Amino acid sequence: MSFGIKVGRFIGAAGAYAVEGAVRGATGLGGFAQEVAQGAEAGYVDKREALLIDRAERDAKREALKAAYIAKLAAGTVIKTEPVAAKPAKVRS
């Protein structure tokens, strides 16, 4: 038997053990694994809804602030400032 065949058989056996371990683990855990999957799905849905609500509230607030600012610009109540000239800096060489 060559070295390559031995390595291939080892890889195949390791794969078989991994699959068998996963099957035995799922069988042994029974309902727990299913409950974990359901809990993860429910947690995702709840958090996603909360994030969507938060985003909608932020968008509405931002649009209200933008509309108020545009109204101030139209009314001419926004104070416009002149640009300030930068002071020359001393450069050390």
N, C-alpha and C. Protein backbone atom coordinates (compact mmCIF):
# COMPACT_ATOMS: atom_id res chain seq x y z
N MET A 1 0.85 -1.16 0.00
CA MET A 1 0.00 0.00 0.00
C MET A 1 0.90 1.23 0.00
N SER A 2 0.62 2.16 -0.91
CA SER A 2 1.46 3.34 -1.03
C SER A 2 1.09 4.36 0.05
N PHE A 3 1.98 5.33 0.19
CA PHE A 3 1.76 6.40 1.18
C PHE A 3 0.52 7.22 0.83
N GLY A 4 0.30 7.49 -0.45
CA GLY A 4 -0.87 8.25 -0.89
C GLY A 4 -2.18 7.56 -0.54
N ILE A 5 -2.21 6.24 -0.71
CA ILE A 5 -3.43 5.49 -0.37
C ILE A 5 -3.68 5.55 1.13
N LYS A 6 -2.61 5.45 1.93
CA LYS A 6 -2.77 5.53 3.37
C LYS A 6 -3.32 6.89 3.80
N VAL A 7 -2.78 7.96 3.19
CA VAL A 7 -3.27 9.31 3.53
C VAL A 7 -4.73 9.47 3.11
N GLY A 8 -5.07 8.96 1.93
CA GLY A 8 -6.44 9.03 1.46
C GLY A 8 -7.40 8.27 2.35
N ARG A 9 -6.99 7.09 2.80
CA ARG A 9 -7.84 6.30 3.70
C ARG A 9 -8.02 7.03 5.03
N PHE A 10 -6.96 7.67 5.52
CA PHE A 10 -7.07 8.42 6.77
C PHE A 10 -8.05 9.58 6.63
N ILE A 11 -7.96 10.30 5.51
CA ILE A 11 -8.88 11.42 5.27
C ILE A 11 -10.31 10.91 5.18
N GLY A 12 -10.53 9.80 4.49
CA GLY A 12 -11.86 9.22 4.38
C GLY A 12 -12.40 8.78 5.73
N ALA A 13 -11.57 8.15 6.54
CA ALA A 13 -11.99 7.71 7.87
C ALA A 13 -12.31 8.90 8.76
N ALA A 14 -11.50 9.96 8.66
CA ALA A 14 -11.76 11.17 9.47
C ALA A 14 -13.09 11.79 9.07
N GLY A 15 -13.39 11.81 7.79
CA GLY A 15 -14.68 12.33 7.32
C GLY A 15 -15.84 11.50 7.84
N ALA A 16 -15.67 10.18 7.82
CA ALA A 16 -16.73 9.29 8.31
C ALA A 16 -16.96 9.51 9.80
N TYR A 17 -15.88 9.69 10.58
CA TYR A 17 -16.04 9.96 12.00
C TYR A 17 -16.74 11.30 12.23
N ALA A 18 -16.42 12.29 11.42
CA ALA A 18 -17.05 13.60 11.58
C ALA A 18 -18.55 13.52 11.31
N VAL A 19 -18.93 12.81 10.26
CA VAL A 19 -20.35 12.67 9.93
C VAL A 19 -21.06 11.87 11.02
N GLU A 20 -20.45 10.78 11.45
CA GLU A 20 -21.06 9.96 12.49
C GLU A 20 -21.21 10.74 13.80
N GLY A 21 -20.23 11.57 14.13
CA GLY A 21 -20.32 12.40 15.33
C GLY A 21 -21.44 13.41 15.23
N ALA A 22 -21.60 14.00 14.07
CA ALA A 22 -22.68 14.96 13.88
C ALA A 22 -24.04 14.28 14.00
N VAL A 23 -24.18 13.08 13.42
CA VAL A 23 -25.45 12.36 13.50
C VAL A 23 -25.75 11.96 14.94
N ARG A 24 -24.75 11.43 15.64
CA ARG A 24 -24.97 11.03 17.04
C ARG A 24 -25.26 12.24 17.92
N GLY A 25 -24.57 13.35 17.65
CA GLY A 25 -24.82 14.56 18.45
C GLY A 25 -26.22 15.08 18.25
N ALA A 26 -26.69 15.10 17.02
CA ALA A 26 -28.04 15.58 16.74
C ALA A 26 -29.08 14.66 17.34
N THR A 27 -28.81 13.35 17.28
CA THR A 27 -29.74 12.38 17.87
C THR A 27 -29.74 12.50 19.39
N GLY A 28 -28.57 12.67 19.96
CA GLY A 28 -28.46 12.76 21.42
C GLY A 28 -29.08 14.03 21.97
N LEU A 29 -28.92 15.12 21.25
CA LEU A 29 -29.47 16.39 21.73
C LEU A 29 -30.98 16.45 21.56
N GLY A 30 -31.49 15.77 20.58
CA GLY A 30 -32.93 15.69 20.38
C GLY A 30 -33.57 17.04 20.19
N GLY A 31 -34.52 17.36 21.07
CA GLY A 31 -35.27 18.60 20.95
C GLY A 31 -34.45 19.84 21.24
N PHE A 32 -33.35 19.70 21.96
CA PHE A 32 -32.55 20.87 22.32
C PHE A 32 -32.04 21.59 21.08
N ALA A 33 -31.52 20.84 20.11
CA ALA A 33 -31.00 21.46 18.89
C ALA A 33 -32.11 22.17 18.13
N GLN A 34 -33.29 21.57 18.10
CA GLN A 34 -34.41 22.19 17.41
C GLN A 34 -34.84 23.47 18.14
N GLU A 35 -34.84 23.43 19.48
CA GLU A 35 -35.20 24.62 20.26
C GLU A 35 -34.19 25.73 20.06
N VAL A 36 -32.91 25.38 19.98
CA VAL A 36 -31.88 26.39 19.74
C VAL A 36 -32.10 27.05 18.39
N ALA A 37 -32.41 26.26 17.38
CA ALA A 37 -32.66 26.82 16.04
C ALA A 37 -33.88 27.73 16.06
N GLN A 38 -34.95 27.32 16.75
CA GLN A 38 -36.15 28.16 16.84
C GLN A 38 -35.87 29.44 17.60
N GLY A 39 -35.10 29.34 18.69
CA GLY A 39 -34.74 30.52 19.46
C GLY A 39 -33.89 31.49 18.67
N ALA A 40 -32.97 30.97 17.89
CA ALA A 40 -32.13 31.83 17.07
C ALA A 40 -32.96 32.55 16.02
N GLU A 41 -33.90 31.84 15.43
CA GLU A 41 -34.77 32.46 14.41
C GLU A 41 -35.65 33.53 15.04
N ALA A 42 -36.22 33.24 16.20
CA ALA A 42 -37.08 34.22 16.88
C ALA A 42 -36.28 35.45 17.31
N GLY A 43 -35.07 35.22 17.82
CA GLY A 43 -34.22 36.34 18.22
C GLY A 43 -33.85 37.22 17.05
N TYR A 44 -33.58 36.60 15.91
CA TYR A 44 -33.25 37.37 14.70
C TYR A 44 -34.44 38.22 14.27
N VAL A 45 -35.62 37.62 14.25
CA VAL A 45 -36.82 38.33 13.81
C VAL A 45 -37.10 39.51 14.74
N ASP A 46 -37.01 39.27 16.06
CA ASP A 46 -37.28 40.34 17.03
C ASP A 46 -36.30 41.50 16.88
N LYS A 47 -35.03 41.18 16.79
CA LYS A 47 -34.01 42.23 16.68
C LYS A 47 -34.12 42.97 15.36
N ARG A 48 -34.43 42.25 14.29
CA ARG A 48 -34.58 42.88 12.98
C ARG A 48 -35.73 43.88 13.00
N GLU A 49 -36.85 43.50 13.62
CA GLU A 49 -37.99 44.41 13.72
C GLU A 49 -37.62 45.66 14.52
N ALA A 50 -36.91 45.46 15.63
CA ALA A 50 -36.51 46.60 16.46
C ALA A 50 -35.58 47.54 15.69
N LEU A 51 -34.66 46.98 14.92
CA LEU A 51 -33.74 47.80 14.14
C LEU A 51 -34.46 48.55 13.03
N LEU A 52 -35.45 47.92 12.40
CA LEU A 52 -36.22 48.60 11.36
C LEU A 52 -37.03 49.76 11.93
N ILE A 53 -37.61 49.55 13.11
CA ILE A 53 -38.36 50.63 13.76
C ILE A 53 -37.43 51.78 14.11
N ASP A 54 -36.27 51.45 14.67
CA ASP A 54 -35.30 52.48 15.04
C ASP A 54 -34.84 53.26 13.81
N ARG A 55 -34.60 52.57 12.70
CA ARG A 55 -34.16 53.24 11.49
C ARG A 55 -35.25 54.17 10.95
N ALA A 56 -36.50 53.72 11.01
CA ALA A 56 -37.60 54.55 10.53
C ALA A 56 -37.74 55.81 11.39
N GLU A 57 -37.56 55.67 12.71
CA GLU A 57 -37.64 56.84 13.59
C GLU A 57 -36.51 57.82 13.30
N ARG A 58 -35.31 57.30 13.09
CA ARG A 58 -34.17 58.17 12.79
C ARG A 58 -34.36 58.89 11.45
N ASP A 59 -34.87 58.16 10.46
CA ASP A 59 -35.10 58.79 9.15
C ASP A 59 -36.14 59.90 9.26
N ALA A 60 -37.21 59.65 10.02
CA ALA A 60 -38.25 60.67 10.18
C ALA A 60 -37.70 61.90 10.90
N LYS A 61 -36.88 61.67 11.92
CA LYS A 61 -36.29 62.80 12.67
C LYS A 61 -35.35 63.60 11.77
N ARG A 62 -34.54 62.89 10.98
CA ARG A 62 -33.60 63.57 10.08
C ARG A 62 -34.35 64.38 9.03
N GLU A 63 -35.42 63.82 8.48
CA GLU A 63 -36.21 64.55 7.48
C GLU A 63 -36.87 65.78 8.09
N ALA A 64 -37.33 65.68 9.35
CA ALA A 64 -37.95 66.83 10.01
C ALA A 64 -36.91 67.93 10.24
N LEU A 65 -35.72 67.56 10.67
CA LEU A 65 -34.65 68.55 10.88
C LEU A 65 -34.25 69.20 9.55
N LYS A 66 -34.20 68.40 8.49
CA LYS A 66 -33.84 68.94 7.19
C LYS A 66 -34.91 69.92 6.70
N ALA A 67 -36.18 69.56 6.89
CA ALA A 67 -37.27 70.45 6.46
C ALA A 67 -37.25 71.75 7.26
N ALA A 68 -36.96 71.67 8.56
CA ALA A 68 -36.89 72.88 9.39
C ALA A 68 -35.73 73.76 8.93
N TYR A 69 -34.60 73.18 8.60
CA TYR A 69 -33.45 73.95 8.15
C TYR A 69 -33.73 74.61 6.81
N ILE A 70 -34.37 73.88 5.92
CA ILE A 70 -34.72 74.45 4.61
C ILE A 70 -35.70 75.62 4.78
N ALA A 71 -36.62 75.48 5.73
CA ALA A 71 -37.57 76.57 6.00
C ALA A 71 -36.82 77.79 6.53
N LYS A 72 -35.83 77.58 7.40
CA LYS A 72 -35.04 78.70 7.92
C LYS A 72 -34.25 79.36 6.80
N LEU A 73 -33.70 78.56 5.90
CA LEU A 73 -32.97 79.13 4.77
C LEU A 73 -33.89 79.98 3.90
N ALA A 74 -35.08 79.48 3.67
CA ALA A 74 -36.03 80.21 2.84
C ALA A 74 -36.46 81.52 3.50
N ALA A 75 -36.57 81.49 4.84
CA ALA A 75 -36.98 82.69 5.58
C ALA A 75 -35.82 83.65 5.77
N GLY A 76 -34.61 83.19 5.55
CA GLY A 76 -33.43 84.05 5.71
C GLY A 76 -33.01 84.23 7.15
N THR A 77 -33.40 83.33 8.03
CA THR A 77 -33.04 83.47 9.45
C THR A 77 -31.75 82.74 9.80
N VAL A 78 -31.17 82.03 8.87
CA VAL A 78 -29.92 81.33 9.14
C VAL A 78 -28.78 82.33 9.04
N ILE A 79 -27.95 82.36 10.07
CA ILE A 79 -26.82 83.29 10.08
C ILE A 79 -25.72 82.72 9.21
N LYS A 80 -25.32 83.49 8.24
CA LYS A 80 -24.24 83.05 7.35
C LYS A 80 -22.96 83.71 7.83
N THR A 81 -21.93 82.94 7.97
CA THR A 81 -20.65 83.47 8.43
C THR A 81 -19.69 83.58 7.26
N GLU A 82 -18.80 84.51 7.39
CA GLU A 82 -17.76 84.69 6.38
C GLU A 82 -16.62 83.73 6.68
N PRO A 83 -15.96 83.25 5.67
CA PRO A 83 -14.82 82.36 5.93
C PRO A 83 -13.69 83.11 6.63
N VAL A 84 -13.02 82.42 7.50
CA VAL A 84 -11.91 83.00 8.25
C VAL A 84 -10.62 82.60 7.57
N ALA A 85 -9.74 83.57 7.35
CA ALA A 85 -8.45 83.29 6.72
C ALA A 85 -7.57 82.54 7.71
N ALA A 86 -6.86 81.60 7.21
CA ALA A 86 -5.96 80.82 8.05
C ALA A 86 -4.70 81.64 8.35
N LYS A 87 -4.20 81.47 9.56
CA LYS A 87 -2.97 82.18 9.93
C LYS A 87 -1.78 81.38 9.41
N PRO A 88 -0.78 82.10 8.92
CA PRO A 88 0.40 81.37 8.44
C PRO A 88 1.12 80.71 9.60
N ALA A 89 1.56 79.51 9.39
CA ALA A 89 2.26 78.78 10.41
C ALA A 89 3.76 78.85 10.18
N LYS A 90 4.50 78.83 11.28
CA LYS A 90 5.96 78.81 11.19
C LYS A 90 6.40 77.39 10.91
N VAL A 91 7.26 77.26 9.93
CA VAL A 91 7.75 75.95 9.55
C VAL A 91 9.20 75.86 9.94
N ARG A 92 9.52 74.85 10.70
CA ARG A 92 10.92 74.64 11.11
C ARG A 92 11.58 73.72 10.11
N SER A 93 12.78 74.05 9.79
CA SER A 93 13.49 73.20 8.84
C SER A 93 14.61 72.46 9.50
